[in-house]
């Protein structure tokens, strides 16, 4: 199980603590493999972009108009976190539905 996120993100840390078998992949340092990003975008669509982040607010209108996969490749911190990949299963975020799907007590 891989958890794509940021090592200093509180939500990612909570998810990692609840999922000790997960391996953290820091998206700023290591990036997200293109195939994983494409599969996540296909599954989650626009939800993959965190439009409430400070990174998003710092982008110009022209930059925001770029295709989501290009934006995520250029600015990995724009990805909603965490993205949890467990075999063929993918989960985005760390809400109660994700925790229930992974069998974690909220």
PDB file of N, CA and C in Angstrom:
ATOM      1  N   UNK A   1       0.843  -1.181   0.000  1.00  0.00           N
ATOM      2  CA  UNK A   1       0.000   0.000   0.000  1.00  0.00           C
ATOM      3  C   UNK A   1       0.884   1.239   0.000  1.00  0.00           C
ATOM      4  N   UNK A   2       0.584   2.153  -0.908  1.00  0.00           N
ATOM      5  CA  UNK A   2       1.345   3.405  -0.976  1.00  0.00           C
ATOM      6  C   UNK A   2       0.418   4.570  -0.681  1.00  0.00           C
ATOM      7  N   UNK A   3       0.929   5.510   0.071  1.00  0.00           N
ATOM      8  CA  UNK A   3       0.190   6.704   0.424  1.00  0.00           C
ATOM      9  C   UNK A   3       0.950   7.876  -0.195  1.00  0.00           C
ATOM     10  N   UNK A   4       0.348   8.498  -1.205  1.00  0.00           N
ATOM     11  CA  UNK A   4       0.969   9.651  -1.857  1.00  0.00           C
ATOM     12  C   UNK A   4       0.483  10.910  -1.154  1.00  0.00           C
ATOM     13  N   UNK A   5       1.422  11.678  -0.623  1.00  0.00           N
ATOM     14  CA  UNK A   5       1.059  12.885   0.108  1.00  0.00           C
ATOM     15  C   UNK A   5       2.302  13.690   0.433  1.00  0.00           C
ATOM     16  N   UNK A   6       2.206  14.477   1.488  1.00  0.00           N
ATOM     17  CA  UNK A   6       3.335  15.281   1.943  1.00  0.00           C
ATOM     18  C   UNK A   6       3.669  14.875   3.378  1.00  0.00           C
ATOM     19  N   UNK A   7       4.952  14.765   3.673  1.00  0.00           N
ATOM     20  CA  UNK A   7       5.341  14.299   5.011  1.00  0.00           C
ATOM     21  C   UNK A   7       4.957  15.298   6.096  1.00  0.00           C
ATOM     22  N   UNK A   8       4.768  16.569   5.748  1.00  0.00           N
ATOM     23  CA  UNK A   8       4.396  17.553   6.768  1.00  0.00           C
ATOM     24  C   UNK A   8       2.911  17.909   6.728  1.00  0.00           C
ATOM     25  N   UNK A   9       2.109  17.127   6.028  1.00  0.00           N
ATOM     26  CA  UNK A   9       0.659  17.338   5.952  1.00  0.00           C
ATOM     27  C   UNK A   9      -0.003  16.597   7.114  1.00  0.00           C
ATOM     28  N   UNK A  10      -0.775  17.316   7.927  1.00  0.00           N
ATOM     29  CA  UNK A  10      -1.417  16.701   9.099  1.00  0.00           C
ATOM     30  C   UNK A  10      -2.331  15.547   8.705  1.00  0.00           C
ATOM     31  N   UNK A  11      -3.119  15.721   7.645  1.00  0.00           N
ATOM     32  CA  UNK A  11      -4.039  14.672   7.212  1.00  0.00           C
ATOM     33  C   UNK A  11      -3.274  13.433   6.775  1.00  0.00           C
ATOM     34  N   UNK A  12      -2.186  13.627   6.056  1.00  0.00           N
ATOM     35  CA  UNK A  12      -1.365  12.493   5.614  1.00  0.00           C
ATOM     36  C   UNK A  12      -0.759  11.774   6.811  1.00  0.00           C
ATOM     37  N   UNK A  13      -0.344  12.533   7.814  1.00  0.00           N
ATOM     38  CA  UNK A  13       0.238  11.924   9.009  1.00  0.00           C
ATOM     39  C   UNK A  13      -0.799  11.088   9.758  1.00  0.00           C
ATOM     40  N   UNK A  14      -2.044  11.589   9.836  1.00  0.00           N
ATOM     41  CA  UNK A  14      -3.118  10.833  10.495  1.00  0.00           C
ATOM     42  C   UNK A  14      -3.365   9.522   9.751  1.00  0.00           C
ATOM     43  N   UNK A  15      -3.418   9.605   8.415  1.00  0.00           N
ATOM     44  CA  UNK A  15      -3.658   8.409   7.606  1.00  0.00           C
ATOM     45  C   UNK A  15      -2.510   7.411   7.782  1.00  0.00           C
ATOM     46  N   UNK A  16      -1.286   7.907   7.782  1.00  0.00           N
ATOM     47  CA  UNK A  16      -0.115   7.042   7.917  1.00  0.00           C
ATOM     48  C   UNK A  16      -0.091   6.361   9.287  1.00  0.00           C
ATOM     49  N   UNK A  17      -0.498   7.088  10.315  1.00  0.00           N
ATOM     50  CA  UNK A  17      -0.532   6.517  11.668  1.00  0.00           C
ATOM     51  C   UNK A  17      -1.576   5.391  11.739  1.00  0.00           C
ATOM     52  N   UNK A  18      -2.709   5.587  11.060  1.00  0.00           N
ATOM     53  CA  UNK A  18      -3.779   4.585  11.072  1.00  0.00           C
ATOM     54  C   UNK A  18      -3.472   3.406  10.150  1.00  0.00           C
ATOM     55  N   UNK A  19      -2.562   3.614   9.206  1.00  0.00           N
ATOM     56  CA  UNK A  19      -2.196   2.570   8.241  1.00  0.00           C
ATOM     57  C   UNK A  19      -0.700   2.284   8.328  1.00  0.00           C
ATOM     58  N   UNK A  20      -0.260   1.621   9.392  1.00  0.00           N
ATOM     59  CA  UNK A  20       1.184   1.417   9.585  1.00  0.00           C
ATOM     60  C   UNK A  20       1.849   0.617   8.467  1.00  0.00           C
ATOM     61  N   UNK A  21       1.071  -0.154   7.705  1.00  0.00           N
ATOM     62  CA  UNK A  21       1.643  -0.938   6.609  1.00  0.00           C
ATOM     63  C   UNK A  21       1.857  -0.085   5.351  1.00  0.00           C
ATOM     64  N   UNK A  22       1.343   1.145   5.348  1.00  0.00           N
ATOM     65  CA  UNK A  22       1.459   2.008   4.171  1.00  0.00           C
ATOM     66  C   UNK A  22       2.843   2.641   4.089  1.00  0.00           C
ATOM     67  N   UNK A  23       3.295   2.839   2.867  1.00  0.00           N
ATOM     68  CA  UNK A  23       4.578   3.501   2.613  1.00  0.00           C
ATOM     69  C   UNK A  23       4.277   4.901   2.100  1.00  0.00           C
ATOM     70  N   UNK A  24       4.818   5.927   2.763  1.00  0.00           N
ATOM     71  CA  UNK A  24       4.594   7.313   2.341  1.00  0.00           C
ATOM     72  C   UNK A  24       5.491   7.648   1.156  1.00  0.00           C
ATOM     73  N   UNK A  25       4.887   8.181   0.111  1.00  0.00           N
ATOM     74  CA  UNK A  25       5.641   8.703  -1.026  1.00  0.00           C
ATOM     75  C   UNK A  25       5.400  10.207  -1.014  1.00  0.00           C
ATOM     76  N   UNK A  26       6.445  10.971  -0.708  1.00  0.00           N
ATOM     77  CA  UNK A  26       6.323  12.428  -0.646  1.00  0.00           C
ATOM     78  C   UNK A  26       6.247  12.980  -2.069  1.00  0.00           C
ATOM     79  N   UNK A  27       5.096  13.565  -2.412  1.00  0.00           N
ATOM     80  CA  UNK A  27       4.895  14.005  -3.794  1.00  0.00           C
ATOM     81  C   UNK A  27       5.789  15.184  -4.173  1.00  0.00           C
ATOM     82  N   UNK A  28       6.207  15.972  -3.186  1.00  0.00           N
ATOM     83  CA  UNK A  28       7.112  17.084  -3.502  1.00  0.00           C
ATOM     84  C   UNK A  28       8.512  16.578  -3.818  1.00  0.00           C
ATOM     85  N   UNK A  29       8.973  15.622  -3.019  1.00  0.00           N
ATOM     86  CA  UNK A  29      10.330  15.104  -3.184  1.00  0.00           C
ATOM     87  C   UNK A  29      10.429  14.056  -4.286  1.00  0.00           C
ATOM     88  N   UNK A  30       9.453  13.148  -4.328  1.00  0.00           N
ATOM     89  CA  UNK A  30       9.543  11.996  -5.222  1.00  0.00           C
ATOM     90  C   UNK A  30       8.594  12.054  -6.413  1.00  0.00           C
ATOM     91  N   UNK A  31       7.570  12.911  -6.343  1.00  0.00           N
ATOM     92  CA  UNK A  31       6.584  12.976  -7.419  1.00  0.00           C
ATOM     93  C   UNK A  31       5.655  11.767  -7.399  1.00  0.00           C
ATOM     94  N   UNK A  32       4.714  11.766  -8.329  1.00  0.00           N
ATOM     95  CA  UNK A  32       3.771  10.654  -8.471  1.00  0.00           C
ATOM     96  C   UNK A  32       4.015  10.064  -9.855  1.00  0.00           C
ATOM     97  N   UNK A  33       4.204   8.751  -9.951  1.00  0.00           N
ATOM     98  CA  UNK A  33       4.408   8.147 -11.274  1.00  0.00           C
ATOM     99  C   UNK A  33       3.265   8.509 -12.225  1.00  0.00           C
ATOM    100  N   UNK A  34       3.607   8.749 -13.468  1.00  0.00           N
ATOM    101  CA  UNK A  34       2.626   9.176 -14.461  1.00  0.00           C
ATOM    102  C   UNK A  34       1.446   8.237 -14.596  1.00  0.00           C
ATOM    103  N   UNK A  35       1.703   6.918 -14.542  1.00  0.00           N
ATOM    104  CA  UNK A  35       0.599   5.965 -14.696  1.00  0.00           C
ATOM    105  C   UNK A  35      -0.348   6.024 -13.501  1.00  0.00           C
ATOM    106  N   UNK A  36       0.189   6.237 -12.302  1.00  0.00           N
ATOM    107  CA  UNK A  36      -0.648   6.345 -11.102  1.00  0.00           C
ATOM    108  C   UNK A  36      -1.488   7.622 -11.179  1.00  0.00           C
ATOM    109  N   UNK A  37      -0.845   8.709 -11.596  1.00  0.00           N
ATOM    110  CA  UNK A  37      -1.547   9.986 -11.723  1.00  0.00           C
ATOM    111  C   UNK A  37      -2.663   9.903 -12.760  1.00  0.00           C
ATOM    112  N   UNK A  38      -2.379   9.268 -13.892  1.00  0.00           N
ATOM    113  CA  UNK A  38      -3.384   9.124 -14.951  1.00  0.00           C
ATOM    114  C   UNK A  38      -4.556   8.266 -14.474  1.00  0.00           C
ATOM    115  N   UNK A  39      -4.263   7.176 -13.770  1.00  0.00           N
ATOM    116  CA  UNK A  39      -5.328   6.304 -13.254  1.00  0.00           C
ATOM    117  C   UNK A  39      -6.164   7.038 -12.205  1.00  0.00           C
ATOM    118  N   UNK A  40      -5.510   7.809 -11.349  1.00  0.00           N
ATOM    119  CA  UNK A  40      -6.229   8.569 -10.319  1.00  0.00           C
ATOM    120  C   UNK A  40      -7.098   9.640 -10.967  1.00  0.00           C
ATOM    121  N   UNK A  41      -6.581  10.292 -11.996  1.00  0.00           N
ATOM    122  CA  UNK A  41      -7.368  11.327 -12.678  1.00  0.00           C
ATOM    123  C   UNK A  41      -8.570  10.703 -13.378  1.00  0.00           C
ATOM    124  N   UNK A  42      -8.366   9.536 -13.960  1.00  0.00           N
ATOM    125  CA  UNK A  42      -9.469   8.845 -14.637  1.00  0.00           C
ATOM    126  C   UNK A  42     -10.558   8.476 -13.626  1.00  0.00           C
ATOM    127  N   UNK A  43     -10.144   8.095 -12.445  1.00  0.00           N
ATOM    128  CA  UNK A  43     -11.105   7.667 -11.421  1.00  0.00           C
ATOM    129  C   UNK A  43     -11.770   8.837 -10.694  1.00  0.00           C
ATOM    130  N   UNK A  44     -10.982   9.858 -10.317  1.00  0.00           N
ATOM    131  CA  UNK A  44     -11.501  10.941  -9.480  1.00  0.00           C
ATOM    132  C   UNK A  44     -11.778  12.236 -10.238  1.00  0.00           C
ATOM    133  N   UNK A  45     -11.254  12.365 -11.449  1.00  0.00           N
ATOM    134  CA  UNK A  45     -11.494  13.566 -12.255  1.00  0.00           C
ATOM    135  C   UNK A  45     -11.001  14.831 -11.577  1.00  0.00           C
ATOM    136  N   UNK A  46     -11.840  15.863 -11.618  1.00  0.00           N
ATOM    137  CA  UNK A  46     -11.469  17.177 -11.082  1.00  0.00           C
ATOM    138  C   UNK A  46     -11.233  17.161  -9.567  1.00  0.00           C
ATOM    139  N   UNK A  47     -11.763  16.162  -8.870  1.00  0.00           N
ATOM    140  CA  UNK A  47     -11.579  16.083  -7.411  1.00  0.00           C
ATOM    141  C   UNK A  47     -10.111  15.896  -7.048  1.00  0.00           C
ATOM    142  N   UNK A  48      -9.309  15.432  -7.998  1.00  0.00           N
ATOM    143  CA  UNK A  48      -7.886  15.204  -7.737  1.00  0.00           C
ATOM    144  C   UNK A  48      -7.141  16.514  -7.481  1.00  0.00           C
ATOM    145  N   UNK A  49      -7.651  17.611  -8.036  1.00  0.00           N
ATOM    146  CA  UNK A  49      -7.027  18.928  -7.838  1.00  0.00           C
ATOM    147  C   UNK A  49      -7.560  19.567  -6.567  1.00  0.00           C
ATOM    148  N   UNK A  50      -6.666  20.019  -5.720  1.00  0.00           N
ATOM    149  CA  UNK A  50      -7.060  20.713  -4.498  1.00  0.00           C
ATOM    150  C   UNK A  50      -7.105  22.210  -4.798  1.00  0.00           C
ATOM    151  N   UNK A  51      -8.308  22.689  -5.117  1.00  0.00           N
ATOM    152  CA  UNK A  51      -8.455  24.103  -5.496  1.00  0.00           C
ATOM    153  C   UNK A  51      -8.564  25.018  -4.276  1.00  0.00           C
ATOM    154  N   UNK A  52      -8.405  24.466  -3.080  1.00  0.00           N
ATOM    155  CA  UNK A  52      -8.414  25.303  -1.874  1.00  0.00           C
ATOM    156  C   UNK A  52      -7.000  25.516  -1.335  1.00  0.00           C
ATOM    157  N   UNK A  53      -6.006  24.959  -2.014  1.00  0.00           N
ATOM    158  CA  UNK A  53      -4.626  25.037  -1.511  1.00  0.00           C
ATOM    159  C   UNK A  53      -3.996  26.399  -1.792  1.00  0.00           C
ATOM    160  N   UNK A  54      -2.953  26.714  -1.022  1.00  0.00           N
ATOM    161  CA  UNK A  54      -2.227  27.963  -1.256  1.00  0.00           C
ATOM    162  C   UNK A  54      -1.503  27.905  -2.596  1.00  0.00           C
ATOM    163  N   UNK A  55      -1.099  26.713  -3.014  1.00  0.00           N
ATOM    164  CA  UNK A  55      -0.448  26.574  -4.323  1.00  0.00           C
ATOM    165  C   UNK A  55      -1.418  27.001  -5.420  1.00  0.00           C
ATOM    166  N   UNK A  56      -2.673  26.548  -5.334  1.00  0.00           N
ATOM    167  CA  UNK A  56      -3.693  26.891  -6.337  1.00  0.00           C
ATOM    168  C   UNK A  56      -3.939  28.405  -6.341  1.00  0.00           C
ATOM    169  N   UNK A  57      -4.043  28.988  -5.157  1.00  0.00           N
ATOM    170  CA  UNK A  57      -4.315  30.432  -5.085  1.00  0.00           C
ATOM    171  C   UNK A  57      -3.169  31.251  -5.662  1.00  0.00           C
ATOM    172  N   UNK A  58      -1.964  30.678  -5.672  1.00  0.00           N
ATOM    173  CA  UNK A  58      -0.806  31.383  -6.209  1.00  0.00           C
ATOM    174  C   UNK A  58      -0.670  31.299  -7.725  1.00  0.00           C
ATOM    175  N   UNK A  59      -1.508  30.480  -8.362  1.00  0.00           N
ATOM    176  CA  UNK A  59      -1.429  30.330  -9.817  1.00  0.00           C
ATOM    177  C   UNK A  59      -2.206  31.429 -10.533  1.00  0.00           C
ATOM    178  N   UNK A  60      -1.728  31.795 -11.706  1.00  0.00           N
ATOM    179  CA  UNK A  60      -2.458  32.775 -12.522  1.00  0.00           C
ATOM    180  C   UNK A  60      -3.649  32.076 -13.176  1.00  0.00           C
ATOM    181  N   UNK A  61      -4.577  32.863 -13.718  1.00  0.00           N
ATOM    182  CA  UNK A  61      -5.738  32.294 -14.417  1.00  0.00           C
ATOM    183  C   UNK A  61      -5.286  31.427 -15.589  1.00  0.00           C
ATOM    184  N   UNK A  62      -4.242  31.875 -16.287  1.00  0.00           N
ATOM    185  CA  UNK A  62      -3.739  31.110 -17.434  1.00  0.00           C
ATOM    186  C   UNK A  62      -3.192  29.753 -16.979  1.00  0.00           C
ATOM    187  N   UNK A  63      -2.464  29.743 -15.848  1.00  0.00           N
ATOM    188  CA  UNK A  63      -1.925  28.481 -15.330  1.00  0.00           C
ATOM    189  C   UNK A  63      -3.049  27.545 -14.882  1.00  0.00           C
ATOM    190  N   UNK A  64      -4.081  28.115 -14.263  1.00  0.00           N
ATOM    191  CA  UNK A  64      -5.213  27.297 -13.801  1.00  0.00           C
ATOM    192  C   UNK A  64      -5.967  26.652 -14.952  1.00  0.00           C
ATOM    193  N   UNK A  65      -5.877  27.251 -16.131  1.00  0.00           N
ATOM    194  CA  UNK A  65      -6.597  26.733 -17.297  1.00  0.00           C
ATOM    195  C   UNK A  65      -5.907  25.524 -17.926  1.00  0.00           C
ATOM    196  N   UNK A  66      -4.699  25.225 -17.492  1.00  0.00           N
ATOM    197  CA  UNK A  66      -3.951  24.088 -18.052  1.00  0.00           C
ATOM    198  C   UNK A  66      -4.659  22.780 -17.703  1.00  0.00           C
ATOM    199  N   UNK A  67      -4.454  21.731 -18.514  1.00  0.00           N
ATOM    200  CA  UNK A  67      -5.053  20.429 -18.193  1.00  0.00           C
ATOM    201  C   UNK A  67      -4.601  19.946 -16.808  1.00  0.00           C
ATOM    202  N   UNK A  68      -5.498  19.301 -16.061  1.00  0.00           N
ATOM    203  CA  UNK A  68      -5.171  18.883 -14.687  1.00  0.00           C
ATOM    204  C   UNK A  68      -3.897  18.051 -14.562  1.00  0.00           C
ATOM    205  N   UNK A  69      -3.667  17.119 -15.480  1.00  0.00           N
ATOM    206  CA  UNK A  69      -2.464  16.278 -15.351  1.00  0.00           C
ATOM    207  C   UNK A  69      -1.192  17.096 -15.533  1.00  0.00           C
ATOM    208  N   UNK A  70      -1.243  18.106 -16.411  1.00  0.00           N
ATOM    209  CA  UNK A  70      -0.073  18.989 -16.583  1.00  0.00           C
ATOM    210  C   UNK A  70       0.156  19.801 -15.311  1.00  0.00           C
ATOM    211  N   UNK A  71      -0.925  20.317 -14.736  1.00  0.00           N
ATOM    212  CA  UNK A  71      -0.810  21.091 -13.494  1.00  0.00           C
ATOM    213  C   UNK A  71      -0.200  20.243 -12.380  1.00  0.00           C
ATOM    214  N   UNK A  72      -0.684  18.999 -12.246  1.00  0.00           N
ATOM    215  CA  UNK A  72      -0.184  18.124 -11.189  1.00  0.00           C
ATOM    216  C   UNK A  72       1.268  17.721 -11.417  1.00  0.00           C
ATOM    217  N   UNK A  73       1.659  17.591 -12.672  1.00  0.00           N
ATOM    218  CA  UNK A  73       3.055  17.264 -12.970  1.00  0.00           C
ATOM    219  C   UNK A  73       3.962  18.441 -12.598  1.00  0.00           C
ATOM    220  N   UNK A  74       3.489  19.662 -12.880  1.00  0.00           N
ATOM    221  CA  UNK A  74       4.284  20.857 -12.596  1.00  0.00           C
ATOM    222  C   UNK A  74       4.246  21.242 -11.116  1.00  0.00           C
ATOM    223  N   UNK A  75       3.107  20.993 -10.474  1.00  0.00           N
ATOM    224  CA  UNK A  75       2.909  21.386  -9.067  1.00  0.00           C
ATOM    225  C   UNK A  75       2.318  20.203  -8.289  1.00  0.00           C
ATOM    226  N   UNK A  76       3.138  19.235  -7.878  1.00  0.00           N
ATOM    227  CA  UNK A  76       2.620  18.033  -7.208  1.00  0.00           C
ATOM    228  C   UNK A  76       1.811  18.339  -5.948  1.00  0.00           C
ATOM    229  N   UNK A  77       2.107  19.449  -5.278  1.00  0.00           N
ATOM    230  CA  UNK A  77       1.390  19.777  -4.046  1.00  0.00           C
ATOM    231  C   UNK A  77      -0.061  20.169  -4.313  1.00  0.00           C
ATOM    232  N   UNK A  78      -0.427  20.340  -5.571  1.00  0.00           N
ATOM    233  CA  UNK A  78      -1.823  20.651  -5.915  1.00  0.00           C
ATOM    234  C   UNK A  78      -2.745  19.449  -5.757  1.00  0.00           C
ATOM    235  N   UNK A  79      -2.180  18.263  -5.638  1.00  0.00           N
ATOM    236  CA  UNK A  79      -2.999  17.059  -5.547  1.00  0.00           C
ATOM    237  C   UNK A  79      -3.705  17.002  -4.199  1.00  0.00           C
ATOM    238  N   UNK A  80      -4.983  16.657  -4.231  1.00  0.00           N
ATOM    239  CA  UNK A  80      -5.704  16.420  -2.975  1.00  0.00           C
ATOM    240  C   UNK A  80      -5.024  15.247  -2.290  1.00  0.00           C
ATOM    241  N   UNK A  81      -4.875  15.364  -0.973  1.00  0.00           N
ATOM    242  CA  UNK A  81      -4.118  14.355  -0.246  1.00  0.00           C
ATOM    243  C   UNK A  81      -4.956  13.735   0.861  1.00  0.00           C
ATOM    244  N   UNK A  82      -4.577  12.540   1.257  1.00  0.00           N
ATOM    245  CA  UNK A  82      -3.651  11.645   0.579  1.00  0.00           C
ATOM    246  C   UNK A  82      -4.338  10.865  -0.540  1.00  0.00           C
ATOM    247  N   UNK A  83      -3.532  10.393  -1.474  1.00  0.00           N
ATOM    248  CA  UNK A  83      -3.983   9.441  -2.489  1.00  0.00           C
ATOM    249  C   UNK A  83      -3.429   8.099  -2.029  1.00  0.00           C
ATOM    250  N   UNK A  84      -4.328   7.176  -1.712  1.00  0.00           N
ATOM    251  CA  UNK A  84      -3.922   5.871  -1.192  1.00  0.00           C
ATOM    252  C   UNK A  84      -4.138   4.831  -2.274  1.00  0.00           C
ATOM    253  N   UNK A  85      -3.070   4.137  -2.633  1.00  0.00           N
ATOM    254  CA  UNK A  85      -3.141   3.100  -3.662  1.00  0.00           C
ATOM    255  C   UNK A  85      -2.847   1.765  -2.995  1.00  0.00           C
ATOM    256  N   UNK A  86      -3.835   0.871  -3.083  1.00  0.00           N
ATOM    257  CA  UNK A  86      -3.716  -0.453  -2.475  1.00  0.00           C
ATOM    258  C   UNK A  86      -4.078  -1.467  -3.545  1.00  0.00           C
ATOM    259  N   UNK A  87      -3.062  -1.947  -4.266  1.00  0.00           N
ATOM    260  CA  UNK A  87      -3.320  -2.860  -5.386  1.00  0.00           C
ATOM    261  C   UNK A  87      -4.089  -2.120  -6.472  1.00  0.00           C
ATOM    262  N   UNK A  88      -5.273  -2.617  -6.813  1.00  0.00           N
ATOM    263  CA  UNK A  88      -6.104  -1.961  -7.827  1.00  0.00           C
ATOM    264  C   UNK A  88      -7.014  -0.903  -7.223  1.00  0.00           C
ATOM    265  N   UNK A  89      -7.119  -0.868  -5.903  1.00  0.00           N
ATOM    266  CA  UNK A  89      -8.007   0.088  -5.238  1.00  0.00           C
ATOM    267  C   UNK A  89      -7.302   1.434  -5.039  1.00  0.00           C
ATOM    268  N   UNK A  90      -8.079   2.509  -5.211  1.00  0.00           N
ATOM    269  CA  UNK A  90      -7.566   3.862  -4.973  1.00  0.00           C
ATOM    270  C   UNK A  90      -8.550   4.613  -4.101  1.00  0.00           C
ATOM    271  N   UNK A  91      -8.002   5.385  -3.180  1.00  0.00           N
ATOM    272  CA  UNK A  91      -8.831   6.197  -2.291  1.00  0.00           C
ATOM    273  C   UNK A  91      -8.229   7.595  -2.263  1.00  0.00           C
ATOM    274  N   UNK A  92      -9.093   8.608  -2.242  1.00  0.00           N
ATOM    275  CA  UNK A  92      -8.634   9.993  -2.229  1.00  0.00           C
ATOM    276  C   UNK A  92      -9.169  10.695  -0.993  1.00  0.00           C
ATOM    277  N   UNK A  93      -8.269  11.302  -0.243  1.00  0.00           N
ATOM    278  CA  UNK A  93      -8.662  12.004   0.974  1.00  0.00           C
ATOM    279  C   UNK A  93      -8.626  11.070   2.171  1.00  0.00           C
ATOM    280  N   UNK A  94      -9.088  11.587   3.301  1.00  0.00           N
ATOM    281  CA  UNK A  94      -9.073  10.793   4.542  1.00  0.00           C
ATOM    282  C   UNK A  94     -10.342  11.079   5.333  1.00  0.00           C
ATOM    283  N   UNK A  95     -11.493  10.923   4.671  1.00  0.00           N
ATOM    284  CA  UNK A  95     -12.757  11.124   5.364  1.00  0.00           C
ATOM    285  C   UNK A  95     -13.277   9.789   5.894  1.00  0.00           C
ATOM    286  N   UNK A  96     -14.443   9.819   6.512  1.00  0.00           N
ATOM    287  CA  UNK A  96     -14.987   8.612   7.140  1.00  0.00           C
ATOM    288  C   UNK A  96     -15.233   7.489   6.135  1.00  0.00           C
ATOM    289  N   UNK A  97     -15.619   7.838   4.904  1.00  0.00           N
ATOM    290  CA  UNK A  97     -15.890   6.793   3.907  1.00  0.00           C
ATOM    291  C   UNK A  97     -14.593   6.074   3.505  1.00  0.00           C
ATOM    292  N   UNK A  98     -13.493   6.801   3.385  1.00  0.00           N
ATOM    293  CA  UNK A  98     -12.199   6.197   3.056  1.00  0.00           C
ATOM    294  C   UNK A  98     -11.736   5.325   4.223  1.00  0.00           C
ATOM    295  N   UNK A  99     -11.885   5.843   5.435  1.00  0.00           N
ATOM    296  CA  UNK A  99     -11.463   5.088   6.612  1.00  0.00           C
ATOM    297  C   UNK A  99     -12.271   3.786   6.715  1.00  0.00           C
ATOM    298  N   UNK A 100     -13.574   3.867   6.451  1.00  0.00           N
ATOM    299  CA  UNK A 100     -14.421   2.670   6.506  1.00  0.00           C
ATOM    300  C   UNK A 100     -14.018   1.667   5.426  1.00  0.00           C
ATOM    301  N   UNK A 101     -13.730   2.168   4.214  1.00  0.00           N
ATOM    302  CA  UNK A 101     -13.339   1.291   3.120  1.00  0.00           C
ATOM    303  C   UNK A 101     -12.031   0.559   3.429  1.00  0.00           C
ATOM    304  N   UNK A 102     -11.159   1.202   4.192  1.00  0.00           N
ATOM    305  CA  UNK A 102      -9.871   0.602   4.539  1.00  0.00           C
ATOM    306  C   UNK A 102      -9.932  -0.145   5.882  1.00  0.00           C
ATOM    307  N   UNK A 103     -11.101  -0.174   6.501  1.00  0.00           N
ATOM    308  CA  UNK A 103     -11.253  -0.905   7.748  1.00  0.00           C
ATOM    309  C   UNK A 103     -10.570  -0.257   8.935  1.00  0.00           C
ATOM    310  N   UNK A 104     -10.500   1.075   8.921  1.00  0.00           N
ATOM    311  CA  UNK A 104      -9.849   1.811  10.006  1.00  0.00           C
ATOM    312  C   UNK A 104     -10.941   2.427  10.872  1.00  0.00           C
ATOM    313  N   UNK A 105     -10.817   2.293  12.176  1.00  0.00           N
ATOM    314  CA  UNK A 105     -11.777   2.932  13.090  1.00  0.00           C
ATOM    315  C   UNK A 105     -11.565   4.433  13.064  1.00  0.00           C
ATOM    316  N   UNK A 106     -12.634   5.155  12.895  1.00  0.00           N
ATOM    317  CA  UNK A 106     -12.540   6.634  12.791  1.00  0.00           C
ATOM    318  C   UNK A 106     -12.181   7.265  14.118  1.00  0.00           C
TER     319      UNK A 106
END
